Amino acid sequence: MASFAMTILVVTAVDAERDALVRDLGPCESLDVGGRPGVCVETPAGSVHVVSGGIGPVSAAITTTAAL
């Protein structure tokens, strides 16, 4: 059976959403994506990168593009 590493990207609007999302996942490391604040959490499913992208669809799209 093959195993592989996976990275999950979540883009939230504000820091409070980001913090609420990761608070029960374990220890976080700081992450900077295109000047936007984020965190990286290691889980059994793989790395979870959670970035505060800003409010609105354009901010979310720009942050997502930079993260990918």
Protein backbone atom coordinates (compact mmCIF):
# COMPACT_ATOMS: atom_id res chain seq x y z
CA MET A 1 0.00 0.00 0.00
CA ALA A 2 1.44 3.34 -1.05
CA SER A 3 1.45 6.27 1.32
CA PHE A 4 1.86 9.90 0.43
CA ALA A 5 2.02 13.24 2.17
CA MET A 6 -0.82 15.69 1.74
CA THR A 7 -1.00 19.41 2.40
CA ILE A 8 -4.38 20.94 3.14
CA LEU A 9 -4.84 24.66 2.48
CA VAL A 10 -7.56 26.65 4.25
CA VAL A 11 -8.02 30.36 3.59
CA THR A 12 -10.04 32.27 6.18
CA ALA A 13 -11.06 35.92 6.11
CA VAL A 14 -9.64 37.05 9.47
CA ASP A 15 -7.20 35.91 12.15
CA ALA A 16 -10.00 35.03 14.61
CA GLU A 17 -11.40 32.46 12.15
CA ARG A 18 -7.92 31.04 11.54
CA ASP A 19 -7.24 30.72 15.28
CA ALA A 20 -10.62 29.08 15.94
CA LEU A 21 -10.01 26.56 13.18
CA VAL A 22 -6.65 25.35 14.48
CA ARG A 23 -7.01 25.72 18.24
CA ASP A 24 -7.68 21.99 18.84
CA LEU A 25 -5.33 20.59 16.19
CA GLY A 26 -2.11 20.88 18.17
CA PRO A 27 0.99 23.07 18.17
CA CYS A 28 1.24 25.60 15.35
CA GLU A 29 4.18 27.11 13.51
CA SER A 30 4.00 30.58 11.98
CA LEU A 31 3.58 30.76 8.23
CA ASP A 32 3.76 33.76 5.89
CA VAL A 33 2.06 33.51 2.51
CA GLY A 34 2.40 36.55 0.31
CA GLY A 35 2.54 38.87 3.31
CA ARG A 36 -0.56 37.30 4.90
CA PRO A 37 -0.33 35.72 8.36
CA GLY A 38 -0.90 32.01 8.73
CA VAL A 39 -0.07 28.90 10.67
CA CYS A 40 1.02 25.36 9.83
CA VAL A 41 -0.19 22.39 11.88
CA GLU A 42 0.98 18.80 11.44
CA THR A 43 -1.87 16.27 11.63
CA PRO A 44 -2.15 12.54 10.87
CA ALA A 45 -3.72 13.52 7.52
CA GLY A 46 -0.75 15.75 6.66
CA SER A 47 0.17 19.40 6.99
CA VAL A 48 -2.63 21.90 7.37
CA HIS A 49 -1.79 25.44 6.26
CA VAL A 50 -4.33 28.01 7.45
CA VAL A 51 -3.95 31.55 6.15
CA SER A 52 -5.90 34.73 6.90
CA GLY A 53 -6.62 35.97 3.40
CA GLY A 54 -8.62 39.10 4.05
CA ILE A 55 -12.26 39.95 3.58
CA GLY A 56 -13.85 39.52 0.17
CA PRO A 57 -13.51 37.22 -2.82
CA VAL A 58 -10.65 39.16 -4.43
CA SER A 59 -8.51 38.97 -1.26
CA ALA A 60 -9.28 35.26 -0.92
CA ALA A 61 -8.36 34.62 -4.55
CA ILE A 62 -5.07 36.52 -4.32
CA THR A 63 -4.06 34.75 -1.11
CA THR A 64 -5.02 31.35 -2.50
CA THR A 65 -3.01 32.00 -5.66
CA ALA A 66 0.03 33.04 -3.63
CA ALA A 67 -0.28 29.98 -1.40
CA LEU A 68 -0.50 27.55 -4.28
